Amino acid sequence: MKIVIGIDIGGTKCAIVLGSVSENEKPCILGKRKINTKEYPDPYTMIGKLQKGITAILSDNAISIDKVAAIGISCGGPLDAEKGVILSPPNLSGWDEVPIVQLFHDKYGIPVGIQNDANACALAEWNFGAGVGTKNMVFLTFGTGLGAGLILNGQLYSGTNDNAGEIGHIRLENIGPVGYGKAGSFEGFCSGGGIAQLARLKALEKFQMGEKVSYCGDINSLAHVTAQSVAEAAENGDVVAQEVFNICGTYLGKGLSIIIDVLNPECIVIGSIYVRVGHLLISSLENVIMREALPMARKVCRVVPGELSEEIGDIAALSVAINTLSR
């Protein structure tokens, strides 16, 4: 058994997770502490708070730092995992060229690794979730945005400069909802923000024809439409909301077909929104995959929801620590 620490850095909150790991078993969470990111916008102040949190969580569990095998950091990109530097993530204002791995290594003198959150989640689902036993697996975040972590030939693939897996930037249509700074992108159609954009457009169509939709009271309420409110309406039988999810599922199928044809994975694991409402998407995406993907590649690829659910952020950060030890 080994003791590892995971740090999950996000735009809203940061979490410190202490875990014990045994071979081929999901990490056991020994303790966790959260810090509000917005209270400490300066990265070096936040890093100091994270280090104090490590001291506290170790003390709570009567564990000394010399018993910790590694620290793993999961953070939204862009970042350079090889150099251990965070490179100006859009949700972390001021985190520019922050040498976070070196700062933690200098403090504790133990192995420290970092991965972007999609890669970290891919490691988690591959080692302990829906991708266990596969050699080639793709993980899609499908939350606020759309990114991917790639496990190819039994190892994490990050690309030449850590930009592999940025599938949300693929343009699927010339015109469409905006995601990843591009109209009609994969992320534009298949993300929480994208679903909300599609739903607003559909609601506007109905309002202009004098009709109503259950997930939006009137034209002045369009800005308040969310993926969650649309999903709830679809679950309750709202035809317009169901149409929104059919559109999303169709474009999800198009994007997955590209992934299947290019990478020939055994398994595509989809997290977040798909875990909760995949049943609203599955029919339309499967129809597209049957039509678009190469038959031989399609037949060997499963599309499944993530299994780690609400645990995935914690397990992902710990998985980065484990991966750091296996290098």
Foldseek 3Di string as FASTA:
>chain_A
DAWAWFWEDDLFKIKIWIWDDDPLAFTDTPDMDMDGCVVPLAPVVVLVVVVVVVVVSCVVVVHDLVRHAEFFYEAADDDFFVQCFGDCDVSRPNRHRHNSQVVVCVVRVHYYTYAYNQQLLVLLCCRYKDNDPWQWEKEWAQEQFTWIWTRHRRHTDQPDGRPPGRQQAAAPDQADADGPNHGRGLRLLGHFNNLLVLLLVLQVVQVVVVHHFDLAGHNVRSVVRTSVSLLVSVVVPTPSSLVSLLSSLQSVLVSVQVVLQPRLTQEYEYEDPCVVRVVSRVVNSVVSNVVRHDPVSSVRYYYYYIGCHPCSSVSSRRSRGVVSVVD
